[in-house]
Amino acid sequence: MSEAVDGGVARLVPDPDREGAWELLIGGAAQSHVDLAEPRRLVFEYQRRLGHVADLLAPAGRPVTVLHLGGGALTMARYVAVTRPRSEQQVAEPDSRLTAFVRRELPLPHGSRIRVRALDARVVLDRLPEGWADLVIVDVFDDARTPAHCTSGEFLDAVRRVLAPGGWYAANLTDGPPLAHLRGQVATARSRFPHACLMAEPAVLRGRRFGNGVLLAADREPPVAELTRRCAGDPYPARLLADAELTDFAAGAAVVTDATALPSPRPPDSVFR
């Protein structure tokens, strides 16, 4: 099934291996995977890493407040709703036609407290109360690229204002060789937060191919050992960089500002084949 949305044509393709599971594509690019029967099941590698972050944010089952910047098929919001019932969640997704399509064809879990706002990420950040969110998840893409205004230090200042004391910032980032965007995002996050770590497949970290990295930053030290264990045990194992390894990875990268920000690199055509 397909429908015209602001970002092009959105298609929902059934998962051939699992009844009730769907993949969302926009303009031919895979965006999300949703398993309606089991929202805890995360298929995309970066979503599994974001799931580890959500799981370790607080004791199992405890409700939290989460702000999702970027909605897509609302996969992570669904995941939090079923793993942490009674959690309050807001989603910034400016493409209202996409949201209507997704909610009509892929209904949200019963009782989920998910509010989707048809607004830009920075507009929502400016409107939320200070200290509202335990977790801010950034997964913002326009034509398969993270918009420039969601990559800067000023953007992270707005994220910090919304985070509660001890809250976490987690971002899905994409890049390929020479990894200038990813290194710049690490440098920018470390200019605003005292603790950070980066999770990605080894081939991505070595600049051998285009892929995803999940960046986690906070005022308190994240559970690096447990995150490392979980990432290593995933179907597509990831490495975790922190402390000196992360410093070496980002060496020489400049902090991104609103004045210097650029969108993330466009994925190569081979990513969509």
Protein backbone atom coordinates (compact mmCIF):
# COMPACT_ATOMS: atom_id res chain seq x y z
CA MET A 1 0.00 0.00 0.00
CA SER A 2 1.22 3.52 -0.73
CA GLU A 3 0.26 7.15 -0.27
CA ALA A 4 1.60 10.56 -1.25
CA VAL A 5 3.13 12.38 1.71
CA ASP A 6 5.16 15.55 2.10
CA GLY A 7 8.43 13.64 1.70
CA GLY A 8 7.38 11.87 -1.52
CA VAL A 9 5.57 8.54 -1.77
CA ALA A 10 5.30 6.43 1.38
CA ARG A 11 4.95 2.67 0.94
CA LEU A 12 4.23 -0.03 3.48
CA VAL A 13 5.71 -3.35 2.41
CA PRO A 14 4.77 -6.55 4.27
CA ASP A 15 7.60 -8.49 5.88
CA PRO A 16 7.69 -11.79 3.98
CA ASP A 17 9.01 -13.61 7.03
CA ARG A 18 6.50 -12.42 9.61
CA GLU A 19 2.77 -11.83 9.41
CA GLY A 20 1.71 -8.44 10.74
CA ALA A 21 5.13 -6.86 10.27
CA TRP A 22 5.73 -4.00 7.86
CA GLU A 23 8.55 -1.90 6.46
CA LEU A 24 8.01 1.78 5.72
CA LEU A 25 9.75 3.23 2.66
CA ILE A 26 9.69 6.88 1.63
CA GLY A 27 10.91 7.72 -1.84
CA GLY A 28 12.25 4.18 -2.07
CA ALA A 29 14.41 4.53 1.04
CA ALA A 30 13.76 2.21 3.99
CA GLN A 31 12.73 4.28 7.02
CA SER A 32 11.23 2.01 9.66
CA HIS A 33 10.12 -1.50 10.48
CA VAL A 34 7.11 -2.23 12.65
CA ASP A 35 5.88 -5.54 14.04
CA LEU A 36 2.28 -4.95 15.07
CA ALA A 37 2.02 -8.28 16.89
CA GLU A 38 5.24 -7.71 18.85
CA PRO A 39 6.31 -4.05 19.05
CA ARG A 40 9.27 -5.14 21.22
CA ARG A 41 10.80 -6.75 18.13
CA LEU A 42 13.24 -4.29 16.60
CA VAL A 43 14.69 -5.30 13.23
CA PHE A 44 16.76 -2.38 11.99
CA GLU A 45 20.21 -2.33 13.56
CA TYR A 46 20.07 1.29 14.72
CA GLN A 47 16.64 0.76 16.26
CA ARG A 48 17.99 -2.16 18.30
CA ARG A 49 20.71 0.14 19.68
CA LEU A 50 18.14 2.81 20.51
CA GLY A 51 16.14 0.05 22.18
CA HIS A 52 19.13 -0.80 24.38
CA VAL A 53 19.32 2.87 25.37
CA ALA A 54 15.63 2.96 26.25
CA ASP A 55 15.92 -0.27 28.24
CA LEU A 56 18.87 0.98 30.32
CA LEU A 57 17.58 4.50 30.93
CA ALA A 58 15.72 3.44 34.10
CA PRO A 59 14.77 0.25 35.95
CA ALA A 60 12.77 -2.15 33.78
CA GLY A 61 9.12 -1.23 33.40
CA ARG A 62 9.34 2.18 35.04
CA PRO A 63 7.39 4.85 33.09
CA VAL A 64 9.50 7.61 31.57
CA THR A 65 8.93 10.74 29.49
CA VAL A 66 10.35 10.57 25.98
CA LEU A 67 10.58 13.12 23.20
CA HIS A 68 11.06 11.68 19.72
CA LEU A 69 12.35 14.13 17.14
CA GLY A 70 11.35 12.43 13.91
CA GLY A 71 8.44 10.01 13.77
CA GLY A 72 8.43 7.76 10.70
CA ALA A 73 6.39 4.68 11.57
CA LEU A 74 6.66 5.51 15.31
CA THR A 75 8.65 2.33 15.93
CA MET A 76 10.56 3.56 18.97
CA ALA A 77 7.50 5.21 20.49
CA ARG A 78 5.65 1.90 20.17
CA TYR A 79 8.60 0.09 21.76
CA VAL A 80 8.65 2.39 24.80
CA ALA A 81 4.86 2.19 25.12
CA VAL A 82 4.91 -1.61 25.52
CA THR A 83 8.16 -1.96 27.49
CA ARG A 84 7.41 0.96 29.81
CA PRO A 85 3.60 1.22 30.13
CA ARG A 86 2.17 4.60 31.21
CA SER A 87 5.15 6.45 29.74
CA GLU A 88 4.33 9.90 28.39
CA GLN A 89 5.70 10.44 24.88
CA GLN A 90 5.65 13.23 22.36
CA VAL A 91 6.75 12.97 18.74
CA ALA A 92 7.80 15.83 16.47
CA GLU A 93 6.90 14.81 12.91
CA PRO A 94 6.15 17.71 10.56
CA ASP A 95 4.79 15.42 7.81
CA SER A 96 1.18 15.20 8.95
CA ARG A 97 0.16 13.14 5.90
CA LEU A 98 2.77 10.54 6.78
CA THR A 99 1.55 10.38 10.37
CA ALA A 100 -2.07 9.97 9.25
CA PHE A 101 -1.07 7.17 6.85
CA VAL A 102 0.96 5.34 9.48
CA ARG A 103 -1.66 5.66 12.22
CA ARG A 104 -4.43 4.49 9.89
CA GLU A 105 -2.59 1.44 8.53
CA LEU A 106 -0.43 0.60 11.57
CA PRO A 107 -2.53 1.38 14.66
CA LEU A 108 -0.70 2.29 17.85
CA PRO A 109 -0.72 -0.14 20.82
CA HIS A 110 -3.80 0.08 22.99
CA GLY A 111 -3.40 2.55 25.84
CA SER A 112 -0.22 4.12 24.49
CA ARG A 113 0.27 7.72 25.55
CA ILE A 114 1.81 9.01 22.36
CA ARG A 115 1.12 12.52 21.10
CA VAL A 116 2.33 13.36 17.59
CA ARG A 117 2.85 17.04 16.84
CA ALA A 118 3.02 18.20 13.22
CA LEU A 119 5.87 20.59 13.91
CA ASP A 120 9.59 20.92 13.22
CA ALA A 121 11.94 19.42 15.81
CA ARG A 122 13.32 22.76 17.01
CA VAL A 123 9.86 24.28 17.26
CA VAL A 124 8.77 21.44 19.56
CA LEU A 125 11.95 21.81 21.63
CA ASP A 126 11.21 25.50 22.12
CA ARG A 127 7.62 24.82 23.19
CA LEU A 128 8.18 22.05 25.73
CA PRO A 129 8.71 22.91 29.41
CA GLU A 130 12.22 22.92 30.80
CA GLY A 131 13.24 19.52 32.21
CA TRP A 132 10.29 17.67 30.65
CA ALA A 133 12.05 14.66 29.07
CA ASP A 134 13.97 11.74 30.55
CA LEU A 135 15.10 10.82 27.05
CA VAL A 136 15.31 12.70 23.75
CA ILE A 137 15.66 10.47 20.69
CA VAL A 138 16.71 12.23 17.50
CA ASP A 139 15.94 10.38 14.27
CA VAL A 140 15.27 13.25 11.89
CA PHE A 141 15.64 12.76 8.15
CA ASP A 142 14.51 14.72 5.11
CA ASP A 143 15.23 13.06 1.78
CA ALA A 144 17.46 10.54 3.63
CA ARG A 145 19.58 13.31 5.21
CA THR A 146 19.54 14.84 8.70
CA PRO A 147 18.66 18.55 8.25
CA ALA A 148 21.45 20.97 9.10
CA HIS A 149 19.48 22.73 11.84
CA CYS A 150 19.30 19.45 13.80
CA THR A 151 23.09 18.98 13.92
CA SER A 152 24.41 22.07 15.72
CA GLY A 153 25.50 22.99 19.21
CA GLU A 154 22.56 25.39 19.43
CA PHE A 155 20.26 22.47 18.64
CA LEU A 156 21.82 20.54 21.52
CA ASP A 157 21.38 23.55 23.80
CA ALA A 158 17.65 23.30 23.11
CA VAL A 159 17.78 19.53 23.78
CA ARG A 160 19.56 20.12 27.09
CA ARG A 161 16.91 22.62 28.19
CA VAL A 162 14.19 20.03 27.69
CA LEU A 163 16.07 17.18 29.38
CA ALA A 164 15.34 16.42 33.03
CA PRO A 165 18.31 16.16 35.41
CA GLY A 166 20.10 12.93 34.53
CA GLY A 167 18.31 12.69 31.18
CA TRP A 168 19.84 11.16 28.04
CA TYR A 169 20.20 12.37 24.46
CA ALA A 170 20.37 9.66 21.78
CA ALA A 171 20.70 10.29 18.05
CA ASN A 172 20.60 8.09 14.98
CA LEU A 173 23.28 9.42 12.62
CA THR A 174 24.31 8.32 9.16
CA ASP A 175 27.64 8.82 7.44
CA GLY A 176 30.26 7.22 5.23
CA PRO A 177 33.93 7.75 4.49
CA PRO A 178 35.66 9.99 5.52
CA LEU A 179 33.17 10.19 8.46
CA ALA A 180 33.45 13.98 8.77
CA HIS A 181 29.77 14.33 9.73
CA LEU A 182 29.91 11.62 12.40
CA ARG A 183 33.11 12.99 13.92
CA GLY A 184 31.65 16.49 13.97
CA GLN A 185 28.52 15.25 15.72
CA VAL A 186 30.64 13.54 18.39
CA ALA A 187 32.69 16.71 18.92
CA THR A 188 29.52 18.80 19.15
CA ALA A 189 27.84 16.48 21.65
CA ARG A 190 30.97 16.40 23.83
CA SER A 191 31.03 20.20 23.84
CA ARG A 192 27.60 20.13 25.54
CA PHE A 193 27.65 16.92 27.61
CA PRO A 194 30.39 15.55 29.88
CA HIS A 195 29.71 11.92 28.91
CA ALA A 196 29.17 10.33 25.50
CA CYS A 197 29.55 7.07 23.61
CA LEU A 198 29.06 5.96 20.02
CA MET A 199 27.69 2.63 18.79
CA ALA A 200 28.20 1.47 15.20
CA GLU A 201 29.29 -1.52 13.16
CA PRO A 202 33.08 -1.85 12.90
CA ALA A 203 33.06 -1.37 9.12
CA VAL A 204 31.27 1.96 9.55
CA LEU A 205 33.65 3.15 12.26
CA ARG A 206 36.61 2.26 10.05
CA GLY A 207 35.17 4.27 7.19
CA ARG A 208 34.74 1.27 4.92
CA ARG A 209 31.07 1.77 4.17
CA PHE A 210 28.09 4.07 4.69
CA GLY A 211 25.92 3.25 7.70
CA ASN A 212 24.33 4.23 10.98
CA GLY A 213 25.82 5.25 14.29
CA VAL A 214 23.90 5.84 17.50
CA LEU A 215 25.35 8.60 19.65
CA LEU A 216 24.42 8.73 23.34
CA ALA A 217 25.28 11.73 25.54
CA ALA A 218 24.37 12.70 29.08
CA ASP A 219 25.42 14.49 32.23
CA ARG A 220 25.79 11.15 34.00
CA GLU A 221 27.99 8.34 32.78
CA PRO A 222 26.03 5.85 30.67
CA PRO A 223 26.24 2.11 31.39
CA VAL A 224 29.05 1.56 28.90
CA ALA A 225 29.82 -2.04 29.89
CA GLU A 226 26.22 -3.21 29.54
CA LEU A 227 25.68 -1.29 26.31
CA THR A 228 28.86 -2.85 24.93
CA ARG A 229 27.65 -6.34 25.84
CA ARG A 230 24.24 -5.83 24.26
CA CYS A 231 25.59 -4.28 21.07
CA ALA A 232 28.08 -7.14 20.67
CA GLY A 233 25.26 -9.66 20.98
CA ASP A 234 23.05 -8.15 18.26
CA PRO A 235 22.53 -9.91 14.91
CA TYR A 236 24.72 -7.20 13.38
CA PRO A 237 27.25 -6.66 16.17
CA ALA A 238 28.35 -3.11 16.91
CA ARG A 239 31.39 -1.64 18.63
CA LEU A 240 31.03 0.98 21.31
CA LEU A 241 33.50 3.85 21.55
CA ALA A 242 33.83 5.87 24.75
CA ASP A 243 36.46 7.81 26.69
CA ALA A 244 39.90 7.74 24.99
CA GLU A 245 38.67 5.74 21.98
CA LEU A 246 35.95 8.31 21.33
CA THR A 247 38.46 11.14 21.78
CA ASP A 248 40.71 9.55 19.16
CA PHE A 249 37.78 9.02 16.80
CA ALA A 250 36.73 12.68 16.91
CA ALA A 251 40.25 14.15 16.98
CA GLY A 252 40.46 17.34 14.94
CA ALA A 253 36.71 17.64 14.34
CA ALA A 254 35.23 21.10 14.86
CA VAL A 255 32.12 21.78 16.93
CA VAL A 256 29.17 22.41 14.60
CA THR A 257 27.26 25.68 14.97
CA ASP A 258 24.12 27.00 13.30
CA ALA A 259 26.38 29.10 11.10
CA THR A 260 28.49 26.15 9.92
CA ALA A 261 25.94 23.31 10.00
CA LEU A 262 25.36 21.15 6.93
CA PRO A 263 22.94 18.29 6.31
CA SER A 264 24.31 14.80 6.76
CA PRO A 265 25.79 13.24 3.60
CA ARG A 266 23.45 11.79 1.04
CA PRO A 267 23.58 7.98 1.09
CA PRO A 268 25.11 6.34 -1.99
CA ASP A 269 22.66 4.80 -4.44
CA SER A 270 23.90 1.33 -3.46
CA VAL A 271 22.27 1.74 -0.02
CA PHE A 272 18.82 1.62 -1.64
CA ARG A 273 19.40 -1.32 -3.95
